[in-house]
Amino acid sequence: MNKSLFFVFSFLILLLLFPTNINPEEKKTKTETSKKVKKLFQKEEKEKVNLEDLEKLGIYEPIKKYPEGMTKLFTHCKDYNLYCASKVAGMFVYKTFAKRSAIYGQRHPEEMMKAMAMYEVLYHSKLKDKKEKFERYRKNWPSEYGRKKKRDEEAIRSLKSMNEGREKMRGALGMTLDTSIEDAMNRFWILGEFLEMGEPKKLGKLDKDVKKRRELLKKYKSTVTRLKEKLNEEE
Protein backbone atom coordinates (compact mmCIF):
# COMPACT_ATOMS: atom_id res chain seq x y z
CA MET A 1 0.00 0.00 0.00
CA ASN A 2 1.46 3.38 -1.03
CA LYS A 3 1.68 6.25 1.42
CA SER A 4 -1.21 8.29 -0.04
CA LEU A 5 -3.67 5.41 0.30
CA PHE A 6 -2.46 4.76 3.84
CA PHE A 7 -3.17 8.38 4.94
CA VAL A 8 -6.64 8.37 3.31
CA PHE A 9 -7.47 5.09 5.03
CA SER A 10 -6.24 6.43 8.40
CA PHE A 11 -8.30 9.60 7.99
CA LEU A 12 -11.50 7.61 7.36
CA ILE A 13 -10.89 5.53 10.49
CA LEU A 14 -10.46 8.70 12.56
CA LEU A 15 -13.77 10.07 11.22
CA LEU A 16 -15.53 6.85 12.21
CA LEU A 17 -14.03 6.86 15.69
CA PHE A 18 -14.48 10.59 16.38
CA PRO A 19 -17.46 11.88 14.39
CA THR A 20 -17.71 15.67 14.04
CA ASN A 21 -21.49 15.85 13.61
CA ILE A 22 -22.38 15.30 17.32
CA ASN A 23 -25.96 16.09 18.24
CA PRO A 24 -26.15 19.32 20.39
CA GLU A 25 -28.24 17.57 23.04
CA GLU A 26 -25.79 14.66 23.17
CA LYS A 27 -22.92 17.12 23.51
CA LYS A 28 -24.72 18.89 26.38
CA THR A 29 -25.30 15.57 28.17
CA LYS A 30 -21.62 14.65 27.84
CA THR A 31 -20.58 18.05 29.22
CA GLU A 32 -22.88 17.69 32.23
CA THR A 33 -21.60 14.16 32.88
CA SER A 34 -18.04 15.41 32.70
CA LYS A 35 -18.80 18.14 35.25
CA LYS A 36 -20.36 15.62 37.64
CA VAL A 37 -17.34 13.33 37.37
CA LYS A 38 -14.99 16.24 38.09
CA LYS A 39 -17.12 17.24 41.08
CA LEU A 40 -16.69 13.77 42.59
CA PHE A 41 -12.93 14.24 42.69
CA GLN A 42 -13.02 17.82 43.93
CA LYS A 43 -12.71 18.38 47.68
CA GLU A 44 -15.65 20.22 49.20
CA GLU A 45 -14.58 23.73 50.10
CA LYS A 46 -14.78 24.16 53.85
CA GLU A 47 -16.35 27.19 55.46
CA LYS A 48 -13.74 29.76 56.34
CA VAL A 49 -13.38 30.73 59.99
CA ASN A 50 -11.59 33.56 61.71
CA LEU A 51 -10.85 35.01 65.13
CA GLU A 52 -14.31 36.61 65.32
CA ASP A 53 -15.95 33.19 64.98
CA LEU A 54 -13.78 31.87 67.79
CA GLU A 55 -14.55 34.76 70.14
CA LYS A 56 -18.28 34.23 69.64
CA LEU A 57 -17.98 30.65 70.94
CA GLY A 58 -17.13 31.93 74.41
CA ILE A 59 -14.44 30.89 76.86
CA TYR A 60 -14.59 27.82 79.07
CA GLU A 61 -14.92 28.45 82.81
CA PRO A 62 -15.89 25.82 85.41
CA ILE A 63 -19.62 25.65 86.12
CA LYS A 64 -20.09 26.97 89.65
CA LYS A 65 -23.61 25.75 90.29
CA TYR A 66 -26.19 23.57 88.57
CA PRO A 67 -29.98 24.00 88.99
CA GLU A 68 -31.14 22.02 92.01
CA GLY A 69 -33.44 19.73 90.07
CA MET A 70 -30.75 18.99 87.50
CA THR A 71 -28.24 17.83 90.11
CA LYS A 72 -30.55 14.92 90.97
CA LEU A 73 -29.69 13.48 87.54
CA PHE A 74 -25.96 13.85 88.22
CA THR A 75 -25.85 12.01 91.56
CA HIS A 76 -23.54 9.30 90.19
CA CYS A 77 -21.11 11.95 88.87
CA LYS A 78 -18.39 12.52 91.47
CA ASP A 79 -18.28 16.23 92.40
CA TYR A 80 -20.57 16.81 89.41
CA ASN A 81 -17.68 16.09 87.06
CA LEU A 82 -18.36 17.86 83.75
CA TYR A 83 -17.34 14.88 81.61
CA CYS A 84 -19.81 12.64 83.44
CA ALA A 85 -22.52 15.34 83.50
CA SER A 86 -22.12 15.89 79.75
CA LYS A 87 -22.81 12.20 79.11
CA VAL A 88 -26.09 12.47 81.02
CA ALA A 89 -26.90 15.74 79.26
CA GLY A 90 -26.17 14.24 75.83
CA MET A 91 -28.59 11.36 76.41
CA PHE A 92 -31.24 13.75 77.75
CA VAL A 93 -30.94 16.04 74.71
CA TYR A 94 -30.94 13.10 72.28
CA LYS A 95 -34.02 11.55 73.89
CA THR A 96 -35.92 14.85 73.83
CA PHE A 97 -35.01 16.21 70.41
CA ALA A 98 -34.26 13.10 68.35
CA LYS A 99 -36.23 10.15 69.75
CA ARG A 100 -39.41 11.96 70.75
CA SER A 101 -42.01 12.95 68.16
CA ALA A 102 -42.98 16.56 67.38
CA ILE A 103 -46.39 15.92 68.98
CA TYR A 104 -44.71 14.81 72.21
CA GLY A 105 -42.74 18.06 72.25
CA GLN A 106 -45.93 20.09 71.87
CA ARG A 107 -47.59 18.24 74.73
CA HIS A 108 -44.56 18.41 76.98
CA PRO A 109 -42.91 21.84 76.62
CA GLU A 110 -41.39 21.33 80.07
CA GLU A 111 -39.20 18.56 78.63
CA MET A 112 -38.05 20.89 75.87
CA MET A 113 -37.07 23.55 78.41
CA LYS A 114 -35.07 21.08 80.50
CA ALA A 115 -33.39 19.71 77.39
CA MET A 116 -32.25 23.23 76.57
CA ALA A 117 -30.66 23.49 80.00
CA MET A 118 -28.90 20.19 79.32
CA TYR A 119 -27.83 21.48 75.91
CA GLU A 120 -25.90 24.21 77.74
CA VAL A 121 -24.03 21.54 79.75
CA LEU A 122 -23.25 19.58 76.60
CA TYR A 123 -21.96 22.66 74.78
CA HIS A 124 -19.84 23.73 77.74
CA SER A 125 -18.25 20.29 77.88
CA LYS A 126 -17.23 20.51 74.23
CA LEU A 127 -15.89 24.01 74.85
CA LYS A 128 -13.65 22.54 77.54
CA ASP A 129 -12.51 19.64 75.33
CA LYS A 130 -11.34 22.04 72.61
CA LYS A 131 -9.90 24.66 74.95
CA GLU A 132 -6.28 23.90 74.04
CA LYS A 133 -6.96 24.17 70.29
CA PHE A 134 -8.80 27.46 70.72
CA GLU A 135 -6.03 28.99 72.82
CA ARG A 136 -3.43 27.96 70.23
CA TYR A 137 -5.50 29.45 67.40
CA ARG A 138 -5.98 32.71 69.32
CA LYS A 139 -2.26 32.91 70.13
CA ASN A 140 -1.12 32.33 66.53
CA TRP A 141 -3.78 34.37 64.71
CA PRO A 142 -3.44 35.33 61.86
CA SER A 143 -0.21 33.42 61.20
CA GLU A 144 0.01 30.13 59.33
CA TYR A 145 1.20 27.21 61.44
CA GLY A 146 0.57 24.21 59.22
CA ARG A 147 -1.60 21.20 60.00
CA LYS A 148 -2.28 22.27 63.54
CA LYS A 149 -4.07 25.37 62.27
CA LYS A 150 -6.31 23.22 60.08
CA ARG A 151 -7.18 21.04 63.08
CA ASP A 152 -7.90 24.14 65.16
CA GLU A 153 -10.14 25.59 62.45
CA GLU A 154 -12.02 22.29 62.24
CA ALA A 155 -12.61 22.48 66.01
CA ILE A 156 -14.06 25.98 65.61
CA ARG A 157 -16.38 24.82 62.78
CA SER A 158 -17.62 21.89 64.84
CA LEU A 159 -18.84 24.19 67.62
CA LYS A 160 -19.97 27.10 65.44
CA SER A 161 -23.26 25.52 64.28
CA MET A 162 -23.95 24.19 67.77
CA ASN A 163 -23.46 27.67 69.19
CA GLU A 164 -25.83 29.17 66.61
CA GLY A 165 -28.59 26.85 67.83
CA ARG A 166 -27.74 27.77 71.42
CA GLU A 167 -27.98 31.47 70.56
CA LYS A 168 -31.48 31.05 69.10
CA MET A 169 -32.68 29.05 72.11
CA ARG A 170 -31.44 31.72 74.48
CA GLY A 171 -32.85 34.52 72.32
CA ALA A 172 -36.35 33.05 72.56
CA LEU A 173 -36.25 33.68 76.31
CA GLY A 174 -34.65 37.11 76.06
CA MET A 175 -31.11 35.90 76.78
CA THR A 176 -27.92 36.46 74.78
CA LEU A 177 -24.60 34.65 74.46
CA ASP A 178 -23.31 37.04 77.14
CA THR A 179 -25.68 35.51 79.69
CA SER A 180 -23.67 33.27 82.02
CA ILE A 181 -24.14 29.53 81.65
CA GLU A 182 -25.39 29.31 85.25
CA ASP A 183 -28.13 31.88 84.58
CA ALA A 184 -29.11 30.27 81.27
CA MET A 185 -29.36 26.78 82.75
CA ASN A 186 -31.30 28.10 85.72
CA ARG A 187 -33.87 29.94 83.60
CA PHE A 188 -34.44 27.00 81.26
CA TRP A 189 -34.69 24.48 84.10
CA ILE A 190 -36.93 26.56 86.37
CA LEU A 191 -39.24 27.30 83.44
CA GLY A 192 -39.39 23.56 82.73
CA GLU A 193 -40.34 22.82 86.33
CA PHE A 194 -42.88 25.63 86.28
CA LEU A 195 -44.55 24.26 83.14
CA GLU A 196 -44.74 20.83 84.78
CA MET A 197 -47.16 22.28 87.31
CA GLY A 198 -49.76 22.86 84.62
CA GLU A 199 -52.74 25.20 84.82
CA PRO A 200 -54.13 25.80 88.30
CA LYS A 201 -57.56 24.32 88.92
CA LYS A 202 -60.57 26.60 88.87
CA LEU A 203 -61.44 27.85 92.32
CA GLY A 204 -64.41 29.85 93.50
CA LYS A 205 -62.17 32.53 94.93
CA LEU A 206 -58.55 32.84 93.86
CA ASP A 207 -56.00 34.29 96.23
CA LYS A 208 -53.31 36.68 95.01
CA ASP A 209 -50.61 33.99 94.75
CA VAL A 210 -52.72 31.74 92.53
CA LYS A 211 -53.71 34.67 90.31
CA LYS A 212 -50.08 35.68 89.99
CA ARG A 213 -49.12 32.10 89.16
CA ARG A 214 -51.76 31.97 86.41
CA GLU A 215 -50.51 35.21 84.88
CA LEU A 216 -46.92 33.96 84.94
CA LEU A 217 -47.93 30.67 83.38
CA LYS A 218 -49.65 32.47 80.49
CA LYS A 219 -46.56 34.61 80.00
CA TYR A 220 -44.23 31.60 79.93
CA LYS A 221 -46.48 29.61 77.60
CA SER A 222 -46.39 32.57 75.22
CA THR A 223 -42.59 32.45 75.41
CA VAL A 224 -42.59 28.73 74.60
CA THR A 225 -44.76 29.41 71.55
CA ARG A 226 -42.28 32.03 70.32
CA LEU A 227 -39.45 29.60 70.91
CA LYS A 228 -41.12 26.91 68.80
CA GLU A 229 -41.66 29.43 65.99
CA LYS A 230 -37.97 30.35 66.04
CA LEU A 231 -36.90 26.72 65.97
CA ASN A 232 -39.33 25.93 63.11
CA GLU A 233 -37.77 28.73 61.05
CA GLU A 234 -34.54 26.74 61.04
CA GLU A 235 -36.14 23.55 59.73
C-alpha atoms as a PDB file:
ATOM      1  CA  MET A   1       0.000   0.000   0.000  1.00  0.00           C
ATOM      2  CA  ASN A   2       1.464   3.378  -1.033  1.00  0.00           C
ATOM      3  CA  LYS A   3       1.680   6.246   1.416  1.00  0.00           C
ATOM      4  CA  SER A   4      -1.214   8.295  -0.037  1.00  0.00           C
ATOM      5  CA  LEU A   5      -3.670   5.413   0.303  1.00  0.00           C
ATOM      6  CA  PHE A   6      -2.456   4.762   3.844  1.00  0.00           C
ATOM      7  CA  PHE A   7      -3.167   8.378   4.935  1.00  0.00           C
ATOM      8  CA  VAL A   8      -6.644   8.371   3.306  1.00  0.00           C
ATOM      9  CA  PHE A   9      -7.474   5.088   5.028  1.00  0.00           C
ATOM     10  CA  SER A  10      -6.243   6.431   8.401  1.00  0.00           C
ATOM     11  CA  PHE A  11      -8.302   9.602   7.990  1.00  0.00           C
ATOM     12  CA  LEU A  12     -11.503   7.609   7.361  1.00  0.00           C
ATOM     13  CA  ILE A  13     -10.889   5.527  10.485  1.00  0.00           C
ATOM     14  CA  LEU A  14     -10.464   8.700  12.562  1.00  0.00           C
ATOM     15  CA  LEU A  15     -13.765  10.074  11.225  1.00  0.00           C
ATOM     16  CA  LEU A  16     -15.533   6.854  12.210  1.00  0.00           C
ATOM     17  CA  LEU A  17     -14.029   6.859  15.692  1.00  0.00           C
ATOM     18  CA  PHE A  18     -14.477  10.586  16.384  1.00  0.00           C
ATOM     19  CA  PRO A  19     -17.460  11.882  14.388  1.00  0.00           C
ATOM     20  CA  THR A  20     -17.706  15.673  14.043  1.00  0.00           C
ATOM     21  CA  ASN A  21     -21.491  15.848  13.613  1.00  0.00           C
ATOM     22  CA  ILE A  22     -22.378  15.296  17.316  1.00  0.00           C
ATOM     23  CA  ASN A  23     -25.963  16.085  18.242  1.00  0.00           C
ATOM     24  CA  PRO A  24     -26.145  19.324  20.390  1.00  0.00           C
ATOM     25  CA  GLU A  25     -28.243  17.567  23.043  1.00  0.00           C
ATOM     26  CA  GLU A  26     -25.793  14.663  23.172  1.00  0.00           C
ATOM     27  CA  LYS A  27     -22.918  17.119  23.510  1.00  0.00           C
ATOM     28  CA  LYS A  28     -24.721  18.888  26.376  1.00  0.00           C
ATOM     29  CA  THR A  29     -25.301  15.575  28.170  1.00  0.00           C
ATOM     30  CA  LYS A  30     -21.621  14.646  27.843  1.00  0.00           C
ATOM     31  CA  THR A  31     -20.583  18.050  29.221  1.00  0.00           C
ATOM     32  CA  GLU A  32     -22.881  17.688  32.234  1.00  0.00           C
ATOM     33  CA  THR A  33     -21.602  14.158  32.885  1.00  0.00           C
ATOM     34  CA  SER A  34     -18.038  15.410  32.699  1.00  0.00           C
ATOM     35  CA  LYS A  35     -18.801  18.142  35.252  1.00  0.00           C
ATOM     36  CA  LYS A  36     -20.364  15.621  37.636  1.00  0.00           C
ATOM     37  CA  VAL A  37     -17.342  13.334  37.370  1.00  0.00           C
ATOM     38  CA  LYS A  38     -14.986  16.244  38.089  1.00  0.00           C
ATOM     39  CA  LYS A  39     -17.117  17.239  41.082  1.00  0.00           C
ATOM     40  CA  LEU A  40     -16.688  13.770  42.588  1.00  0.00           C
ATOM     41  CA  PHE A  41     -12.929  14.238  42.687  1.00  0.00           C
ATOM     42  CA  GLN A  42     -13.018  17.818  43.932  1.00  0.00           C
ATOM     43  CA  LYS A  43     -12.712  18.379  47.682  1.00  0.00           C
ATOM     44  CA  GLU A  44     -15.654  20.216  49.199  1.00  0.00           C
ATOM     45  CA  GLU A  45     -14.585  23.730  50.098  1.00  0.00           C
ATOM     46  CA  LYS A  46     -14.784  24.162  53.846  1.00  0.00           C
ATOM     47  CA  GLU A  47     -16.355  27.191  55.460  1.00  0.00           C
ATOM     48  CA  LYS A  48     -13.741  29.761  56.343  1.00  0.00           C
ATOM     49  CA  VAL A  49     -13.384  30.726  59.986  1.00  0.00           C
ATOM     50  CA  ASN A  50     -11.589  33.561  61.711  1.00  0.00           C
ATOM     51  CA  LEU A  51     -10.852  35.008  65.130  1.00  0.00           C
ATOM     52  CA  GLU A  52     -14.309  36.614  65.323  1.00  0.00           C
ATOM     53  CA  ASP A  53     -15.948  33.187  64.976  1.00  0.00           C
ATOM     54  CA  LEU A  54     -13.781  31.872  67.790  1.00  0.00           C
ATOM     55  CA  GLU A  55     -14.552  34.758  70.143  1.00  0.00           C
ATOM     56  CA  LYS A  56     -18.280  34.225  69.635  1.00  0.00           C
ATOM     57  CA  LEU A  57     -17.984  30.652  70.940  1.00  0.00           C
ATOM     58  CA  GLY A  58     -17.129  31.932  74.410  1.00  0.00           C
ATOM     59  CA  ILE A  59     -14.436  30.892  76.864  1.00  0.00           C
ATOM     60  CA  TYR A  60     -14.593  27.823  79.069  1.00  0.00           C
ATOM     61  CA  GLU A  61     -14.923  28.446  82.807  1.00  0.00           C
ATOM     62  CA  PRO A  62     -15.887  25.816  85.405  1.00  0.00           C
ATOM     63  CA  ILE A  63     -19.621  25.654  86.118  1.00  0.00           C
ATOM     64  CA  LYS A  64     -20.089  26.972  89.646  1.00  0.00           C
ATOM     65  CA  LYS A  65     -23.606  25.748  90.286  1.00  0.00           C
ATOM     66  CA  TYR A  66     -26.195  23.572  88.566  1.00  0.00           C
ATOM     67  CA  PRO A  67     -29.979  23.999  88.986  1.00  0.00           C
ATOM     68  CA  GLU A  68     -31.139  22.020  92.015  1.00  0.00           C
ATOM     69  CA  GLY A  69     -33.443  19.728  90.066  1.00  0.00           C
ATOM     70  CA  MET A  70     -30.747  18.992  87.504  1.00  0.00           C
ATOM     71  CA  THR A  71     -28.241  17.831  90.110  1.00  0.00           C
ATOM     72  CA  LYS A  72     -30.545  14.917  90.969  1.00  0.00           C
ATOM     73  CA  LEU A  73     -29.690  13.481  87.544  1.00  0.00           C
ATOM     74  CA  PHE A  74     -25.958  13.846  88.215  1.00  0.00           C
ATOM     75  CA  THR A  75     -25.850  12.007  91.564  1.00  0.00           C
ATOM     76  CA  HIS A  76     -23.538   9.301  90.187  1.00  0.00           C
ATOM     77  CA  CYS A  77     -21.107  11.953  88.874  1.00  0.00           C
ATOM     78  CA  LYS A  78     -18.385  12.523  91.475  1.00  0.00           C
ATOM     79  CA  ASP A  79     -18.285  16.230  92.404  1.00  0.00           C
ATOM     80  CA  TYR A  80     -20.574  16.814  89.414  1.00  0.00           C
ATOM     81  CA  ASN A  81     -17.676  16.086  87.060  1.00  0.00           C
ATOM     82  CA  LEU A  82     -18.358  17.860  83.747  1.00  0.00           C
ATOM     83  CA  TYR A  83     -17.340  14.876  81.611  1.00  0.00           C
ATOM     84  CA  CYS A  84     -19.812  12.641  83.436  1.00  0.00           C
ATOM     85  CA  ALA A  85     -22.517  15.338  83.497  1.00  0.00           C
ATOM     86  CA  SER A  86     -22.122  15.894  79.746  1.00  0.00           C
ATOM     87  CA  LYS A  87     -22.813  12.195  79.109  1.00  0.00           C
ATOM     88  CA  VAL A  88     -26.086  12.472  81.024  1.00  0.00           C
ATOM     89  CA  ALA A  89     -26.896  15.743  79.256  1.00  0.00           C
ATOM     90  CA  GLY A  90     -26.167  14.240  75.834  1.00  0.00           C
ATOM     91  CA  MET A  91     -28.590  11.360  76.411  1.00  0.00           C
ATOM     92  CA  PHE A  92     -31.244  13.746  77.754  1.00  0.00           C
ATOM     93  CA  VAL A  93     -30.937  16.037  74.710  1.00  0.00           C
ATOM     94  CA  TYR A  94     -30.939  13.104  72.278  1.00  0.00           C
ATOM     95  CA  LYS A  95     -34.017  11.549  73.887  1.00  0.00           C
ATOM     96  CA  THR A  96     -35.922  14.852  73.830  1.00  0.00           C
ATOM     97  CA  PHE A  97     -35.012  16.213  70.409  1.00  0.00           C
ATOM     98  CA  ALA A  98     -34.257  13.101  68.353  1.00  0.00           C
ATOM     99  CA  LYS A  99     -36.231  10.152  69.750  1.00  0.00           C
ATOM    100  CA  ARG A 100     -39.410  11.960  70.754  1.00  0.00           C
ATOM    101  CA  SER A 101     -42.008  12.955  68.158  1.00  0.00           C
ATOM    102  CA  ALA A 102     -42.984  16.556  67.376  1.00  0.00           C
ATOM    103  CA  ILE A 103     -46.386  15.915  68.977  1.00  0.00           C
ATOM    104  CA  TYR A 104     -44.706  14.814  72.214  1.00  0.00           C
ATOM    105  CA  GLY A 105     -42.739  18.058  72.249  1.00  0.00           C
ATOM    106  CA  GLN A 106     -45.930  20.087  71.872  1.00  0.00           C
ATOM    107  CA  ARG A 107     -47.592  18.237  74.726  1.00  0.00           C
ATOM    108  CA  HIS A 108     -44.557  18.407  76.983  1.00  0.00           C
ATOM    109  CA  PRO A 109     -42.909  21.837  76.616  1.00  0.00           C
ATOM    110  CA  GLU A 110     -41.392  21.331  80.066  1.00  0.00           C
ATOM    111  CA  GLU A 111     -39.199  18.564  78.631  1.00  0.00           C
ATOM    112  CA  MET A 112     -38.045  20.886  75.875  1.00  0.00           C
ATOM    113  CA  MET A 113     -37.067  23.550  78.412  1.00  0.00           C
ATOM    114  CA  LYS A 114     -35.074  21.078  80.498  1.00  0.00           C
ATOM    115  CA  ALA A 115     -33.385  19.707  77.387  1.00  0.00           C
ATOM    116  CA  MET A 116     -32.245  23.232  76.567  1.00  0.00           C
ATOM    117  CA  ALA A 117     -30.663  23.495  79.999  1.00  0.00           C
ATOM    118  CA  MET A 118     -28.904  20.188  79.320  1.00  0.00           C
ATOM    119  CA  TYR A 119     -27.827  21.481  75.911  1.00  0.00           C
ATOM    120  CA  GLU A 120     -25.901  24.206  77.736  1.00  0.00           C
ATOM    121  CA  VAL A 121     -24.034  21.543  79.748  1.00  0.00           C
ATOM    122  CA  LEU A 122     -23.253  19.579  76.596  1.00  0.00           C
ATOM    123  CA  TYR A 123     -21.958  22.664  74.778  1.00  0.00           C
ATOM    124  CA  HIS A 124     -19.839  23.735  77.741  1.00  0.00           C
ATOM    125  CA  SER A 125     -18.247  20.288  77.882  1.00  0.00           C
ATOM    126  CA  LYS A 126     -17.229  20.507  74.228  1.00  0.00           C
ATOM    127  CA  LEU A 127     -15.891  24.010  74.854  1.00  0.00           C
ATOM    128  CA  LYS A 128     -13.652  22.539  77.540  1.00  0.00           C
ATOM    129  CA  ASP A 129     -12.505  19.645  75.328  1.00  0.00           C
ATOM    130  CA  LYS A 130     -11.345  22.039  72.609  1.00  0.00           C
ATOM    131  CA  LYS A 131      -9.895  24.662  74.948  1.00  0.00           C
ATOM    132  CA  GLU A 132      -6.279  23.899  74.039  1.00  0.00           C
ATOM    133  CA  LYS A 133      -6.957  24.171  70.292  1.00  0.00           C
ATOM    134  CA  PHE A 134      -8.802  27.456  70.719  1.00  0.00           C
ATOM    135  CA  GLU A 135      -6.031  28.985  72.824  1.00  0.00           C
ATOM    136  CA  ARG A 136      -3.429  27.964  70.232  1.00  0.00           C
ATOM    137  CA  TYR A 137      -5.502  29.452  67.400  1.00  0.00           C
ATOM    138  CA  ARG A 138      -5.978  32.710  69.319  1.00  0.00           C
ATOM    139  CA  LYS A 139      -2.257  32.913  70.125  1.00  0.00           C
ATOM    140  CA  ASN A 140      -1.119  32.330  66.530  1.00  0.00           C
ATOM    141  CA  TRP A 141      -3.778  34.369  64.712  1.00  0.00           C
ATOM    142  CA  PRO A 142      -3.436  35.334  61.859  1.00  0.00           C
ATOM    143  CA  SER A 143      -0.208  33.418  61.203  1.00  0.00           C
ATOM    144  CA  GLU A 144       0.011  30.132  59.335  1.00  0.00           C
ATOM    145  CA  TYR A 145       1.200  27.211  61.437  1.00  0.00           C
ATOM    146  CA  GLY A 146       0.573  24.208  59.220  1.00  0.00           C
ATOM    147  CA  ARG A 147      -1.601  21.203  59.997  1.00  0.00           C
ATOM    148  CA  LYS A 148      -2.284  22.274  63.542  1.00  0.00           C
ATOM    149  CA  LYS A 149      -4.073  25.371  62.269  1.00  0.00           C
ATOM    150  CA  LYS A 150      -6.313  23.216  60.078  1.00  0.00           C
ATOM    151  CA  ARG A 151      -7.184  21.041  63.084  1.00  0.00           C
ATOM    152  CA  ASP A 152      -7.898  24.136  65.165  1.00  0.00           C
ATOM    153  CA  GLU A 153     -10.143  25.593  62.453  1.00  0.00           C
ATOM    154  CA  GLU A 154     -12.022  22.290  62.243  1.00  0.00           C
ATOM    155  CA  ALA A 155     -12.609  22.476  66.012  1.00  0.00           C
ATOM    156  CA  ILE A 156     -14.062  25.977  65.608  1.00  0.00           C
ATOM    157  CA  ARG A 157     -16.376  24.817  62.783  1.00  0.00           C
ATOM    158  CA  SER A 158     -17.622  21.890  64.844  1.00  0.00           C
ATOM    159  CA  LEU A 159     -18.843  24.195  67.621  1.00  0.00           C
ATOM    160  CA  LYS A 160     -19.970  27.102  65.442  1.00  0.00           C
ATOM    161  CA  SER A 161     -23.260  25.521  64.284  1.00  0.00           C
ATOM    162  CA  MET A 162     -23.951  24.191  67.770  1.00  0.00           C
ATOM    163  CA  ASN A 163     -23.458  27.670  69.192  1.00  0.00           C
ATOM    164  CA  GLU A 164     -25.835  29.171  66.606  1.00  0.00           C
ATOM    165  CA  GLY A 165     -28.585  26.847  67.832  1.00  0.00           C
ATOM    166  CA  ARG A 166     -27.739  27.769  71.415  1.00  0.00           C
ATOM    167  CA  GLU A 167     -27.978  31.471  70.555  1.00  0.00           C
ATOM    168  CA  LYS A 168     -31.480  31.054  69.103  1.00  0.00           C
ATOM    169  CA  MET A 169     -32.681  29.050  72.105  1.00  0.00           C
ATOM    170  CA  ARG A 170     -31.442  31.725  74.476  1.00  0.00           C
ATOM    171  CA  GLY A 171     -32.847  34.522  72.323  1.00  0.00           C
ATOM    172  CA  ALA A 172     -36.352  33.053  72.555  1.00  0.00           C
ATOM    173  CA  LEU A 173     -36.249  33.681  76.308  1.00  0.00           C
ATOM    174  CA  GLY A 174     -34.648  37.112  76.062  1.00  0.00           C
ATOM    175  CA  MET A 175     -31.111  35.897  76.778  1.00  0.00           C
ATOM    176  CA  THR A 176     -27.917  36.456  74.783  1.00  0.00           C
ATOM    177  CA  LEU A 177     -24.595  34.654  74.463  1.00  0.00           C
ATOM    178  CA  ASP A 178     -23.308  37.037  77.138  1.00  0.00           C
ATOM    179  CA  THR A 179     -25.684  35.506  79.685  1.00  0.00           C
ATOM    180  CA  SER A 180     -23.672  33.270  82.017  1.00  0.00           C
ATOM    181  CA  ILE A 181     -24.143  29.530  81.654  1.00  0.00           C
ATOM    182  CA  GLU A 182     -25.393  29.308  85.250  1.00  0.00           C
ATOM    183  CA  ASP A 183     -28.133  31.883  84.583  1.00  0.00           C
ATOM    184  CA  ALA A 184     -29.105  30.275  81.270  1.00  0.00           C
ATOM    185  CA  MET A 185     -29.356  26.781  82.752  1.00  0.00           C
ATOM    186  CA  ASN A 186     -31.304  28.095  85.722  1.00  0.00           C
ATOM    187  CA  ARG A 187     -33.874  29.938  83.602  1.00  0.00           C
ATOM    188  CA  PHE A 188     -34.438  27.000  81.263  1.00  0.00           C
ATOM    189  CA  TRP A 189     -34.694  24.482  84.100  1.00  0.00           C
ATOM    190  CA  ILE A 190     -36.929  26.558  86.372  1.00  0.00           C
ATOM    191  CA  LEU A 191     -39.238  27.304  83.440  1.00  0.00           C
ATOM    192  CA  GLY A 192     -39.387  23.556  82.731  1.00  0.00           C
ATOM    193  CA  GLU A 193     -40.340  22.820  86.333  1.00  0.00           C
ATOM    194  CA  PHE A 194     -42.879  25.625  86.279  1.00  0.00           C
ATOM    195  CA  LEU A 195     -44.545  24.256  83.142  1.00  0.00           C
ATOM    196  CA  GLU A 196     -44.735  20.833  84.775  1.00  0.00           C
ATOM    197  CA  MET A 197     -47.162  22.284  87.309  1.00  0.00           C
ATOM    198  CA  GLY A 198     -49.759  22.855  84.616  1.00  0.00           C
ATOM    199  CA  GLU A 199     -52.743  25.195  84.819  1.00  0.00           C
ATOM    200  CA  PRO A 200     -54.128  25.803  88.302  1.00  0.00           C
ATOM    201  CA  LYS A 201     -57.557  24.323  88.924  1.00  0.00           C
ATOM    202  CA  LYS A 202     -60.572  26.601  88.868  1.00  0.00           C
ATOM    203  CA  LEU A 203     -61.443  27.853  92.317  1.00  0.00           C
ATOM    204  CA  GLY A 204     -64.409  29.847  93.505  1.00  0.00           C
ATOM    205  CA  LYS A 205     -62.169  32.525  94.935  1.00  0.00           C
ATOM    206  CA  LEU A 206     -58.553  32.842  93.860  1.00  0.00           C
ATOM    207  CA  ASP A 207     -56.004  34.292  96.232  1.00  0.00           C
ATOM    208  CA  LYS A 208     -53.310  36.677  95.010  1.00  0.00           C
ATOM    209  CA  ASP A 209     -50.611  33.994  94.746  1.00  0.00           C
ATOM    210  CA  VAL A 210     -52.725  31.737  92.527  1.00  0.00           C
ATOM    211  CA  LYS A 211     -53.713  34.670  90.306  1.00  0.00           C
ATOM    212  CA  LYS A 212     -50.079  35.677  89.990  1.00  0.00           C
ATOM    213  CA  ARG A 213     -49.122  32.104  89.158  1.00  0.00           C
ATOM    214  CA  ARG A 214     -51.759  31.970  86.411  1.00  0.00           C
ATOM    215  CA  GLU A 215     -50.510  35.213  84.883  1.00  0.00           C
ATOM    216  CA  LEU A 216     -46.924  33.958  84.941  1.00  0.00           C
ATOM    217  CA  LEU A 217     -47.935  30.672  83.375  1.00  0.00           C
ATOM    218  CA  LYS A 218     -49.649  32.466  80.488  1.00  0.00           C
ATOM    219  CA  LYS A 219     -46.563  34.607  79.997  1.00  0.00           C
ATOM    220  CA  TYR A 220     -44.226  31.598  79.934  1.00  0.00           C
ATOM    221  CA  LYS A 221     -46.478  29.614  77.599  1.00  0.00           C
ATOM    222  CA  SER A 222     -46.392  32.565  75.219  1.00  0.00           C
ATOM    223  CA  THR A 223     -42.594  32.447  75.408  1.00  0.00           C
ATOM    224  CA  VAL A 224     -42.585  28.726  74.603  1.00  0.00           C
ATOM    225  CA  THR A 225     -44.759  29.406  71.550  1.00  0.00           C
ATOM    226  CA  ARG A 226     -42.283  32.026  70.324  1.00  0.00           C
ATOM    227  CA  LEU A 227     -39.453  29.598  70.906  1.00  0.00           C
ATOM    228  CA  LYS A 228     -41.121  26.913  68.798  1.00  0.00           C
ATOM    229  CA  GLU A 229     -41.660  29.433  65.989  1.00  0.00           C
ATOM    230  CA  LYS A 230     -37.974  30.348  66.040  1.00  0.00           C
ATOM    231  CA  LEU A 231     -36.899  26.716  65.973  1.00  0.00           C
ATOM    232  CA  ASN A 232     -39.327  25.931  63.111  1.00  0.00           C
ATOM    233  CA  GLU A 233     -37.769  28.731  61.054  1.00  0.00           C
ATOM    234  CA  GLU A 234     -34.539  26.745  61.038  1.00  0.00           C
ATOM    235  CA  GLU A 235     -36.145  23.551  59.729  1.00  0.00           C
END
